[in-house]
Amino acid sequence: VPYLGYAIETARTTYGFLALIIIPALIIVWDQAQKIWEEIKKARKNKALGMVNNKS
């Protein structure tokens, strides 16, 4: 792979490490946190609906 050395050399710098490792990792963590939050909201909504349906 001809230009792989450039990417590796860039990753060894502080800004390169941030750009190639930290920022993508934060994006993945943020995405997963949003999905977890949506599931929590769905579970709360279903629990609330279940309580309403059981009372009537």
PDB file of N, CA and C in Angstrom:
ATOM      1  N   VAL A   1       0.866  -1.165   0.000  1.00  0.00           N
ATOM      2  CA  VAL A   1       0.000   0.000   0.000  1.00  0.00           C
ATOM      3  C   VAL A   1       0.909   1.223   0.000  1.00  0.00           C
ATOM      4  N   PRO A   2       0.923   1.946  -1.099  1.00  0.00           N
ATOM      5  CA  PRO A   2       1.920   2.997  -1.278  1.00  0.00           C
ATOM      6  C   PRO A   2       1.877   4.137  -0.257  1.00  0.00           C
ATOM      7  N   TYR A   3       0.719   4.629   0.104  1.00  0.00           N
ATOM      8  CA  TYR A   3       0.632   5.824   0.951  1.00  0.00           C
ATOM      9  C   TYR A   3       0.301   5.512   2.407  1.00  0.00           C
ATOM     10  N   LEU A   4       0.357   4.272   2.796  1.00  0.00           N
ATOM     11  CA  LEU A   4       0.051   3.894   4.168  1.00  0.00           C
ATOM     12  C   LEU A   4       1.035   4.521   5.151  1.00  0.00           C
ATOM     13  N   GLY A   5       2.269   4.674   4.736  1.00  0.00           N
ATOM     14  CA  GLY A   5       3.280   5.285   5.596  1.00  0.00           C
ATOM     15  C   GLY A   5       2.927   6.705   5.995  1.00  0.00           C
ATOM     16  N   TYR A   6       2.325   7.448   5.077  1.00  0.00           N
ATOM     17  CA  TYR A   6       1.910   8.816   5.395  1.00  0.00           C
ATOM     18  C   TYR A   6       0.834   8.823   6.485  1.00  0.00           C
ATOM     19  N   ALA A   7      -0.115   7.925   6.364  1.00  0.00           N
ATOM     20  CA  ALA A   7      -1.181   7.853   7.367  1.00  0.00           C
ATOM     21  C   ALA A   7      -0.622   7.443   8.725  1.00  0.00           C
ATOM     22  N   ILE A   8       0.292   6.490   8.731  1.00  0.00           N
ATOM     23  CA  ILE A   8       0.893   6.045   9.987  1.00  0.00           C
ATOM     24  C   ILE A   8       1.705   7.165  10.616  1.00  0.00           C
ATOM     25  N   GLU A   9       2.463   7.867   9.808  1.00  0.00           N
ATOM     26  CA  GLU A   9       3.271   8.976  10.322  1.00  0.00           C
ATOM     27  C   GLU A   9       2.375  10.090  10.868  1.00  0.00           C
ATOM     28  N   THR A  10       1.280  10.355  10.197  1.00  0.00           N
ATOM     29  CA  THR A  10       0.336  11.362  10.672  1.00  0.00           C
ATOM     30  C   THR A  10      -0.299  10.924  11.987  1.00  0.00           C
ATOM     31  N   ALA A  11      -0.604   9.646  12.121  1.00  0.00           N
ATOM     32  CA  ALA A  11      -1.228   9.136  13.346  1.00  0.00           C
ATOM     33  C   ALA A  11      -0.294   9.240  14.543  1.00  0.00           C
ATOM     34  N   ARG A  12       0.979   9.346  14.304  1.00  0.00           N
ATOM     35  CA  ARG A  12       1.945   9.462  15.403  1.00  0.00           C
ATOM     36  C   ARG A  12       2.003  10.867  15.990  1.00  0.00           C
ATOM     37  N   THR A  13       1.446  11.843  15.300  1.00  0.00           N
ATOM     38  CA  THR A  13       1.406  13.203  15.833  1.00  0.00           C
ATOM     39  C   THR A  13       0.174  13.351  16.725  1.00  0.00           C
ATOM     40  N   THR A  14       0.168  14.370  17.547  1.00  0.00           N
ATOM     41  CA  THR A  14      -0.963  14.594  18.451  1.00  0.00           C
ATOM     42  C   THR A  14      -2.248  14.836  17.675  1.00  0.00           C
ATOM     43  N   TYR A  15      -2.201  15.720  16.697  1.00  0.00           N
ATOM     44  CA  TYR A  15      -3.397  16.032  15.922  1.00  0.00           C
ATOM     45  C   TYR A  15      -3.820  14.854  15.055  1.00  0.00           C
ATOM     46  N   GLY A  16      -2.860  14.129  14.539  1.00  0.00           N
ATOM     47  CA  GLY A  16      -3.181  12.945  13.751  1.00  0.00           C
ATOM     48  C   GLY A  16      -3.860  11.883  14.591  1.00  0.00           C
ATOM     49  N   PHE A  17      -3.365  11.686  15.803  1.00  0.00           N
ATOM     50  CA  PHE A  17      -3.977  10.718  16.716  1.00  0.00           C
ATOM     51  C   PHE A  17      -5.408  11.124  17.034  1.00  0.00           C
ATOM     52  N   LEU A  18      -5.597  12.415  17.302  1.00  0.00           N
ATOM     53  CA  LEU A  18      -6.951  12.907  17.566  1.00  0.00           C
ATOM     54  C   LEU A  18      -7.866  12.670  16.368  1.00  0.00           C
ATOM     55  N   ALA A  19      -7.365  12.983  15.185  1.00  0.00           N
ATOM     56  CA  ALA A  19      -8.185  12.883  13.982  1.00  0.00           C
ATOM     57  C   ALA A  19      -8.487  11.440  13.594  1.00  0.00           C
ATOM     58  N   LEU A  20      -7.529  10.552  13.770  1.00  0.00           N
ATOM     59  CA  LEU A  20      -7.701   9.180  13.294  1.00  0.00           C
ATOM     60  C   LEU A  20      -8.213   8.212  14.351  1.00  0.00           C
ATOM     61  N   ILE A  21      -8.052   8.518  15.625  1.00  0.00           N
ATOM     62  CA  ILE A  21      -8.430   7.577  16.680  1.00  0.00           C
ATOM     63  C   ILE A  21      -9.503   8.154  17.604  1.00  0.00           C
ATOM     64  N   ILE A  22      -9.227   9.268  18.230  1.00  0.00           N
ATOM     65  CA  ILE A  22     -10.101   9.798  19.276  1.00  0.00           C
ATOM     66  C   ILE A  22     -11.444  10.270  18.723  1.00  0.00           C
ATOM     67  N   ILE A  23     -11.430  11.071  17.689  1.00  0.00           N
ATOM     68  CA  ILE A  23     -12.680  11.623  17.156  1.00  0.00           C
ATOM     69  C   ILE A  23     -13.609  10.526  16.635  1.00  0.00           C
ATOM     70  N   PRO A  24     -13.139   9.577  15.824  1.00  0.00           N
ATOM     71  CA  PRO A  24     -14.044   8.490  15.416  1.00  0.00           C
ATOM     72  C   PRO A  24     -14.560   7.669  16.600  1.00  0.00           C
ATOM     73  N   ALA A  25     -13.718   7.448  17.597  1.00  0.00           N
ATOM     74  CA  ALA A  25     -14.158   6.699  18.778  1.00  0.00           C
ATOM     75  C   ALA A  25     -15.257   7.460  19.516  1.00  0.00           C
ATOM     76  N   LEU A  26     -15.112   8.762  19.642  1.00  0.00           N
ATOM     77  CA  LEU A  26     -16.142   9.566  20.305  1.00  0.00           C
ATOM     78  C   LEU A  26     -17.455   9.553  19.526  1.00  0.00           C
ATOM     79  N   ILE A  27     -17.356   9.553  18.210  1.00  0.00           N
ATOM     80  CA  ILE A  27     -18.567   9.483  17.384  1.00  0.00           C
ATOM     81  C   ILE A  27     -19.296   8.163  17.625  1.00  0.00           C
ATOM     82  N   ILE A  28     -18.554   7.072  17.697  1.00  0.00           N
ATOM     83  CA  ILE A  28     -19.158   5.760  17.944  1.00  0.00           C
ATOM     84  C   ILE A  28     -19.790   5.716  19.329  1.00  0.00           C
ATOM     85  N   VAL A  29     -19.088   6.223  20.331  1.00  0.00           N
ATOM     86  CA  VAL A  29     -19.625   6.237  21.697  1.00  0.00           C
ATOM     87  C   VAL A  29     -20.893   7.079  21.754  1.00  0.00           C
ATOM     88  N   TRP A  30     -20.891   8.235  21.116  1.00  0.00           N
ATOM     89  CA  TRP A  30     -22.062   9.111  21.102  1.00  0.00           C
ATOM     90  C   TRP A  30     -23.250   8.415  20.443  1.00  0.00           C
ATOM     91  N   ASP A  31     -23.009   7.752  19.325  1.00  0.00           N
ATOM     92  CA  ASP A  31     -24.069   7.047  18.614  1.00  0.00           C
ATOM     93  C   ASP A  31     -24.667   5.941  19.486  1.00  0.00           C
ATOM     94  N   GLN A  32     -23.820   5.181  20.136  1.00  0.00           N
ATOM     95  CA  GLN A  32     -24.307   4.104  20.999  1.00  0.00           C
ATOM     96  C   GLN A  32     -25.066   4.656  22.203  1.00  0.00           C
ATOM     97  N   ALA A  33     -24.604   5.760  22.761  1.00  0.00           N
ATOM     98  CA  ALA A  33     -25.297   6.379  23.890  1.00  0.00           C
ATOM     99  C   ALA A  33     -26.692   6.839  23.475  1.00  0.00           C
ATOM    100  N   GLN A  34     -26.816   7.383  22.278  1.00  0.00           N
ATOM    101  CA  GLN A  34     -28.128   7.801  21.786  1.00  0.00           C
ATOM    102  C   GLN A  34     -29.055   6.601  21.628  1.00  0.00           C
ATOM    103  N   LYS A  35     -28.538   5.501  21.104  1.00  0.00           N
ATOM    104  CA  LYS A  35     -29.358   4.300  20.929  1.00  0.00           C
ATOM    105  C   LYS A  35     -29.810   3.748  22.275  1.00  0.00           C
ATOM    106  N   ILE A  36     -28.921   3.749  23.246  1.00  0.00           N
ATOM    107  CA  ILE A  36     -29.280   3.281  24.588  1.00  0.00           C
ATOM    108  C   ILE A  36     -30.353   4.183  25.183  1.00  0.00           C
ATOM    109  N   TRP A  37     -30.198   5.491  25.036  1.00  0.00           N
ATOM    110  CA  TRP A  37     -31.171   6.437  25.574  1.00  0.00           C
ATOM    111  C   TRP A  37     -32.545   6.217  24.931  1.00  0.00           C
ATOM    112  N   GLU A  38     -32.580   5.978  23.623  1.00  0.00           N
ATOM    113  CA  GLU A  38     -33.851   5.725  22.942  1.00  0.00           C
ATOM    114  C   GLU A  38     -34.515   4.458  23.480  1.00  0.00           C
ATOM    115  N   GLU A  39     -33.735   3.426  23.729  1.00  0.00           N
ATOM    116  CA  GLU A  39     -34.288   2.186  24.281  1.00  0.00           C
ATOM    117  C   GLU A  39     -34.825   2.401  25.694  1.00  0.00           C
ATOM    118  N   ILE A  40     -34.148   3.210  26.482  1.00  0.00           N
ATOM    119  CA  ILE A  40     -34.629   3.520  27.832  1.00  0.00           C
ATOM    120  C   ILE A  40     -35.964   4.257  27.749  1.00  0.00           C
ATOM    121  N   LYS A  41     -36.051   5.225  26.837  1.00  0.00           N
ATOM    122  CA  LYS A  41     -37.302   5.964  26.674  1.00  0.00           C
ATOM    123  C   LYS A  41     -38.433   5.040  26.235  1.00  0.00           C
ATOM    124  N   LYS A  42     -38.145   4.113  25.316  1.00  0.00           N
ATOM    125  CA  LYS A  42     -39.168   3.160  24.874  1.00  0.00           C
ATOM    126  C   LYS A  42     -39.622   2.279  26.031  1.00  0.00           C
ATOM    127  N   ALA A  43     -38.675   1.815  26.837  1.00  0.00           N
ATOM    128  CA  ALA A  43     -39.015   0.950  27.971  1.00  0.00           C
ATOM    129  C   ALA A  43     -39.873   1.704  28.978  1.00  0.00           C
ATOM    130  N   ARG A  44     -39.540   2.957  29.246  1.00  0.00           N
ATOM    131  CA  ARG A  44     -40.341   3.761  30.180  1.00  0.00           C
ATOM    132  C   ARG A  44     -41.748   3.982  29.640  1.00  0.00           C
ATOM    133  N   LYS A  45     -41.829   4.258  28.334  1.00  0.00           N
ATOM    134  CA  LYS A  45     -43.131   4.480  27.713  1.00  0.00           C
ATOM    135  C   LYS A  45     -43.964   3.201  27.772  1.00  0.00           C
ATOM    136  N   ASN A  46     -43.359   2.069  27.444  1.00  0.00           N
ATOM    137  CA  ASN A  46     -44.084   0.799  27.487  1.00  0.00           C
ATOM    138  C   ASN A  46     -44.513   0.457  28.910  1.00  0.00           C
ATOM    139  N   LYS A  47     -43.658   0.749  29.870  1.00  0.00           N
ATOM    140  CA  LYS A  47     -43.995   0.486  31.271  1.00  0.00           C
ATOM    141  C   LYS A  47     -45.175   1.358  31.695  1.00  0.00           C
ATOM    142  N   ALA A  48     -45.155   2.623  31.304  1.00  0.00           N
ATOM    143  CA  ALA A  48     -46.246   3.534  31.647  1.00  0.00           C
ATOM    144  C   ALA A  48     -47.540   3.094  30.966  1.00  0.00           C
ATOM    145  N   LEU A  49     -47.469   2.687  29.715  1.00  0.00           N
ATOM    146  CA  LEU A  49     -48.662   2.226  29.014  1.00  0.00           C
ATOM    147  C   LEU A  49     -49.185   0.939  29.634  1.00  0.00           C
ATOM    148  N   GLY A  50     -48.299   0.086  30.060  1.00  0.00           N
ATOM    149  CA  GLY A  50     -48.708  -1.155  30.706  1.00  0.00           C
ATOM    150  C   GLY A  50     -49.425  -0.900  32.009  1.00  0.00           C
ATOM    151  N   MET A  51     -48.972   0.080  32.763  1.00  0.00           N
ATOM    152  CA  MET A  51     -49.616   0.420  34.031  1.00  0.00           C
ATOM    153  C   MET A  51     -51.004   0.988  33.781  1.00  0.00           C
ATOM    154  N   VAL A  52     -51.153   1.801  32.752  1.00  0.00           N
ATOM    155  CA  VAL A  52     -52.452   2.390  32.424  1.00  0.00           C
ATOM    156  C   VAL A  52     -53.403   1.290  31.974  1.00  0.00           C
ATOM    157  N   ASN A  53     -52.943   0.375  31.139  1.00  0.00           N
ATOM    158  CA  ASN A  53     -53.799  -0.694  30.639  1.00  0.00           C
ATOM    159  C   ASN A  53     -54.213  -1.656  31.749  1.00  0.00           C
ATOM    160  N   ASN A  54     -53.359  -1.879  32.723  1.00  0.00           N
ATOM    161  CA  ASN A  54     -53.685  -2.794  33.814  1.00  0.00           C
ATOM    162  C   ASN A  54     -54.726  -2.207  34.764  1.00  0.00           C
ATOM    163  N   LYS A  55     -54.793  -0.896  34.886  1.00  0.00           N
ATOM    164  CA  LYS A  55     -55.738  -0.252  35.801  1.00  0.00           C
ATOM    165  C   LYS A  55     -57.163  -0.307  35.265  1.00  0.00           C
ATOM    166  N   SER A  56     -57.328  -0.320  33.957  1.00  0.00           N
ATOM    167  CA  SER A  56     -58.678  -0.275  33.396  1.00  0.00           C
ATOM    168  C   SER A  56     -59.249  -1.623  33.088  1.00  0.00           C
TER     169      SER A  56
END
